[in-house]
Amino acid sequence: MEKLDILVFAAHPDDVELACSGTVLKHISLGYKVGIVDLTRGELGTRGSAEIRAEETRVASLILGIHYRENLGFRDGFFEIDEAHLLKVVEVIRKYQPEIILANAASDRHPDHKRAGDLVSRANFLSGLVKIETANQTAWRAKVVYRYIQDNFIEPDFVVDISGFEAKKLEAIKAFKSQFYDPNSTEPKTPISREDFLDFILARAKQLGRPINAEYGEGFTIERYIGVDNLFELK
């Protein structure tokens, strides 16, 4: 399997598209190899089904132009931070050997999000321990784990300028059409199926972009200090 520069983890299909697909698109445009690992199939979602979301994920992946995507099939709503789940994530990290990992928010409305991010962060540390053995793999630890911001507003530690990629981001989000506003749908309403929800997504991106003098941005939190060689490389 080809080594990736960035590996993005998500508790559910569409987490990446909603929270950090602009960052994914931008880094692919810069020549970096990016992959996504969805932990669950989102089978407990109020709208749609695991099968529908799998097809929507396929379409979204084509729009993003990512290099690889896979689903670990953890139980939506019930996966835990235990040895079995940790080792599965360790295997994936060692498989793709990313330099950077992006993971779910440090806190959020949906409890799966924080738990997924915490699971990935801990697995990344364990993945670097040579005494933890996985089949035909060597130890590997990504240099950093950054947590993207989701539904709840969290003050970001840094913001990626995604200006110019906002339209493609929305296109990728809309691939998950079972989850969002459809005037003909008879399924129950959810917080993200409101007619104005995508307006909120764009407004959040504008909010995050404004302090860095960008039209649109996506925010992330850090788990350790960021080192800088040149102050002039910062916006």
Protein backbone atom coordinates (compact mmCIF):
# COMPACT_ATOMS: atom_id res chain seq x y z
CA MET A 1 0.00 0.00 0.00
CA GLU A 2 1.36 3.40 -1.00
CA LYS A 3 2.47 5.69 1.83
CA LEU A 4 0.22 8.67 2.53
CA ASP A 5 1.18 12.18 3.61
CA ILE A 6 -2.09 12.84 5.46
CA LEU A 7 -4.51 10.28 6.90
CA VAL A 8 -7.90 11.60 7.99
CA PHE A 9 -9.99 9.58 10.44
CA ALA A 10 -13.73 9.99 10.92
CA ALA A 11 -16.26 8.44 13.27
CA HIS A 12 -18.87 8.49 10.49
CA PRO A 13 -18.99 8.87 6.73
CA ASP A 14 -19.50 12.60 6.00
CA ASP A 15 -17.57 13.83 9.10
CA VAL A 16 -14.56 14.65 6.92
CA GLU A 17 -16.61 16.27 4.18
CA LEU A 18 -18.41 18.52 6.66
CA ALA A 19 -15.43 19.50 8.81
CA CYS A 20 -12.20 19.48 6.83
CA SER A 21 -12.74 18.59 3.18
CA GLY A 22 -11.46 22.01 2.13
CA THR A 23 -8.15 21.18 3.80
CA VAL A 24 -8.13 17.77 2.09
CA LEU A 25 -8.80 19.33 -1.31
CA LYS A 26 -6.17 22.02 -0.86
CA HIS A 27 -3.42 19.59 0.12
CA ILE A 28 -4.24 17.23 -2.74
CA SER A 29 -3.92 20.23 -5.07
CA LEU A 30 -0.46 20.85 -3.59
CA GLY A 31 0.61 17.34 -4.52
CA TYR A 32 0.16 15.55 -1.18
CA LYS A 33 -1.31 12.06 -0.93
CA VAL A 34 -4.39 11.98 1.31
CA GLY A 35 -6.55 9.09 2.49
CA ILE A 36 -9.63 8.75 4.69
CA VAL A 37 -10.54 6.01 7.17
CA ASP A 38 -14.15 5.96 8.38
CA LEU A 39 -14.50 4.06 11.65
CA THR A 40 -18.20 3.18 11.32
CA ARG A 41 -20.76 2.91 8.54
CA GLY A 42 -23.05 5.44 10.23
CA GLU A 43 -25.73 2.80 10.53
CA LEU A 44 -27.45 4.48 13.49
CA GLY A 45 -28.06 7.69 11.58
CA THR A 46 -31.70 8.80 11.63
CA ARG A 47 -31.83 9.20 7.86
CA GLY A 48 -30.66 6.86 5.14
CA SER A 49 -28.97 3.51 5.76
CA ALA A 50 -25.49 2.02 5.88
CA GLU A 51 -25.87 0.90 2.26
CA ILE A 52 -27.01 4.30 1.05
CA ARG A 53 -24.22 6.04 2.92
CA ALA A 54 -21.65 3.66 1.45
CA GLU A 55 -22.67 4.71 -2.07
CA GLU A 56 -22.70 8.38 -1.04
CA THR A 57 -19.20 7.92 0.40
CA ARG A 58 -18.01 6.50 -2.92
CA VAL A 59 -19.34 9.55 -4.78
CA ALA A 60 -17.87 12.00 -2.26
CA SER A 61 -14.48 10.30 -2.50
CA LEU A 62 -14.45 10.75 -6.26
CA ILE A 63 -15.27 14.43 -5.86
CA LEU A 64 -12.46 14.90 -3.35
CA GLY A 65 -9.95 12.97 -5.44
CA ILE A 66 -8.46 11.20 -2.41
CA HIS A 67 -5.97 8.39 -2.92
CA TYR A 68 -7.51 5.76 -0.63
CA ARG A 69 -10.57 5.33 1.56
CA GLU A 70 -11.67 2.45 3.73
CA ASN A 71 -14.15 1.69 6.47
CA LEU A 72 -13.21 -0.27 9.60
CA GLY A 73 -16.79 -1.34 10.30
CA PHE A 74 -16.81 -0.42 13.99
CA ARG A 75 -20.27 -0.38 15.57
CA ASP A 76 -21.79 3.06 15.25
CA GLY A 77 -22.49 4.45 18.71
CA PHE A 78 -20.90 1.51 20.53
CA PHE A 79 -17.21 1.39 19.62
CA GLU A 80 -14.95 1.90 22.62
CA ILE A 81 -11.36 2.81 23.36
CA ASP A 82 -10.25 -0.71 24.15
CA GLU A 83 -7.47 -3.02 23.02
CA ALA A 84 -9.33 -4.51 20.07
CA HIS A 85 -10.30 -1.15 18.56
CA LEU A 86 -6.92 0.41 19.29
CA LEU A 87 -5.08 -2.39 17.51
CA LYS A 88 -7.30 -2.04 14.43
CA VAL A 89 -6.41 1.64 14.21
CA VAL A 90 -2.73 0.87 14.85
CA GLU A 91 -2.79 -1.51 11.88
CA VAL A 92 -4.22 1.20 9.63
CA ILE A 93 -1.67 3.79 10.75
CA ARG A 94 1.17 1.34 10.10
CA LYS A 95 -0.36 0.43 6.75
CA TYR A 96 -0.45 3.99 5.39
CA GLN A 97 2.45 5.50 7.43
CA PRO A 98 1.11 9.09 7.40
CA GLU A 99 3.16 12.09 8.46
CA ILE A 100 0.04 13.93 9.66
CA ILE A 101 -3.21 12.58 11.09
CA LEU A 102 -6.45 14.56 11.18
CA ALA A 103 -9.04 13.27 13.65
CA ASN A 104 -12.47 14.09 15.08
CA ALA A 105 -13.08 17.07 17.34
CA ALA A 106 -11.80 17.20 20.91
CA SER A 107 -15.42 17.73 22.02
CA ASP A 108 -18.70 17.85 20.14
CA ARG A 109 -22.48 17.39 20.22
CA HIS A 110 -22.22 13.77 19.06
CA PRO A 111 -20.36 11.67 21.67
CA ASP A 112 -18.87 9.42 18.97
CA HIS A 113 -16.80 12.34 17.71
CA LYS A 114 -14.68 12.98 20.79
CA ARG A 115 -14.35 9.26 21.45
CA ALA A 116 -13.18 8.62 17.90
CA GLY A 117 -10.61 11.40 18.08
CA ASP A 118 -9.33 10.17 21.43
CA LEU A 119 -9.14 6.60 20.08
CA VAL A 120 -7.08 7.69 17.08
CA SER A 121 -4.76 9.87 19.15
CA ARG A 122 -4.00 7.07 21.57
CA ALA A 123 -3.59 4.53 18.75
CA ASN A 124 -1.08 6.81 17.04
CA PHE A 125 1.12 6.75 20.15
CA LEU A 126 0.82 2.98 20.47
CA SER A 127 1.59 2.55 16.77
CA GLY A 128 5.09 3.87 17.41
CA LEU A 129 5.91 1.24 20.05
CA VAL A 130 8.08 -1.52 18.59
CA LYS A 131 6.93 -4.07 21.17
CA ILE A 132 3.36 -3.91 19.89
CA GLU A 133 3.31 -6.42 17.06
CA THR A 134 0.95 -6.41 14.10
CA ALA A 135 1.16 -8.81 11.16
CA ASN A 136 4.06 -8.00 8.80
CA GLN A 137 4.16 -4.35 9.88
CA THR A 138 6.78 -2.11 11.42
CA ALA A 139 6.22 0.53 14.07
CA TRP A 140 5.13 3.94 12.78
CA ARG A 141 3.90 7.07 14.50
CA ALA A 142 2.60 10.13 12.69
CA LYS A 143 4.44 13.31 13.66
CA VAL A 144 1.27 15.10 14.76
CA VAL A 145 -2.45 14.60 15.32
CA TYR A 146 -4.65 17.61 14.63
CA ARG A 147 -8.32 17.59 15.65
CA TYR A 148 -10.78 19.24 13.27
CA ILE A 149 -13.70 21.35 14.50
CA GLN A 150 -17.21 19.99 13.94
CA ASP A 151 -20.67 21.10 15.09
CA ASN A 152 -19.73 22.76 18.39
CA PHE A 153 -17.61 25.85 18.04
CA ILE A 154 -14.12 25.38 19.49
CA GLU A 155 -11.53 28.14 19.46
CA PRO A 156 -9.01 26.90 16.87
CA ASP A 157 -5.27 26.74 17.45
CA PHE A 158 -4.70 27.31 13.74
CA VAL A 159 -6.80 27.85 10.62
CA VAL A 160 -6.20 26.54 7.10
CA ASP A 161 -7.09 28.95 4.31
CA ILE A 162 -9.44 26.98 2.03
CA SER A 163 -10.47 29.90 -0.19
CA GLY A 164 -11.10 28.63 -3.70
CA PHE A 165 -12.06 25.16 -2.47
CA GLU A 166 -15.36 26.02 -0.79
CA ALA A 167 -17.51 25.12 -3.83
CA LYS A 168 -15.91 21.69 -4.18
CA LYS A 169 -16.28 21.19 -0.41
CA LEU A 170 -20.03 21.83 -0.71
CA GLU A 171 -20.22 19.45 -3.68
CA ALA A 172 -18.61 16.69 -1.61
CA ILE A 173 -20.98 17.36 1.29
CA LYS A 174 -24.02 17.24 -1.00
CA ALA A 175 -22.97 13.76 -2.14
CA PHE A 176 -24.47 12.63 1.19
CA LYS A 177 -27.90 13.66 -0.03
CA SER A 178 -29.76 11.29 2.33
CA GLN A 179 -28.50 13.32 5.28
CA PHE A 180 -29.39 16.83 4.18
CA TYR A 181 -32.40 18.89 3.19
CA ASP A 182 -34.72 17.29 0.68
CA PRO A 183 -38.22 18.79 0.39
CA ASN A 184 -39.52 15.46 -0.91
CA SER A 185 -38.08 13.35 1.91
CA THR A 186 -40.47 11.65 4.32
CA GLU A 187 -37.72 10.77 6.81
CA PRO A 188 -37.50 12.44 10.23
CA LYS A 189 -35.88 15.83 10.48
CA THR A 190 -32.45 16.10 12.10
CA PRO A 191 -30.21 19.01 13.12
CA ILE A 192 -28.33 18.73 9.81
CA SER A 193 -31.35 18.24 7.53
CA ARG A 194 -32.58 21.80 8.03
CA GLU A 195 -32.87 23.83 4.84
CA ASP A 196 -30.32 26.38 6.10
CA PHE A 197 -27.70 23.89 7.33
CA LEU A 198 -25.32 24.29 4.39
CA ASP A 199 -25.55 28.06 4.88
CA PHE A 200 -24.24 27.43 8.39
CA ILE A 201 -21.32 25.39 6.99
CA LEU A 202 -20.30 28.27 4.72
CA ALA A 203 -20.84 30.83 7.47
CA ARG A 204 -18.59 28.85 9.82
CA ALA A 205 -15.90 28.74 7.13
CA LYS A 206 -16.21 32.50 6.65
CA GLN A 207 -16.03 33.03 10.41
CA LEU A 208 -12.81 31.00 10.64
CA GLY A 209 -11.29 32.61 7.57
CA ARG A 210 -11.86 36.22 8.60
CA PRO A 211 -9.19 36.45 11.37
CA ILE A 212 -6.49 35.24 8.95
CA ASN A 213 -7.65 37.59 6.18
CA ALA A 214 -8.99 34.70 4.12
CA GLU A 215 -12.42 34.33 2.58
CA TYR A 216 -12.89 30.80 3.95
CA GLY A 217 -11.08 28.70 6.53
CA GLU A 218 -11.18 25.45 8.49
CA GLY A 219 -10.03 25.29 12.09
CA PHE A 220 -8.03 22.71 14.01
CA THR A 221 -6.83 22.17 17.56
CA ILE A 222 -3.44 20.82 18.52
CA GLU A 223 -2.15 18.26 21.01
CA ARG A 224 1.33 19.76 21.27
CA TYR A 225 2.99 23.05 20.40
CA ILE A 226 3.56 23.82 16.73
CA GLY A 227 7.18 24.56 15.83
CA VAL A 228 7.95 27.37 13.39
CA ASP A 229 11.19 28.00 11.46
CA ASN A 230 10.21 31.28 9.85
CA LEU A 231 7.71 33.78 11.23
CA PHE A 232 7.07 35.10 7.73
CA GLU A 233 5.61 31.76 6.66
CA LEU A 234 2.66 32.36 9.00
CA LYS A 235 -0.42 34.25 7.80
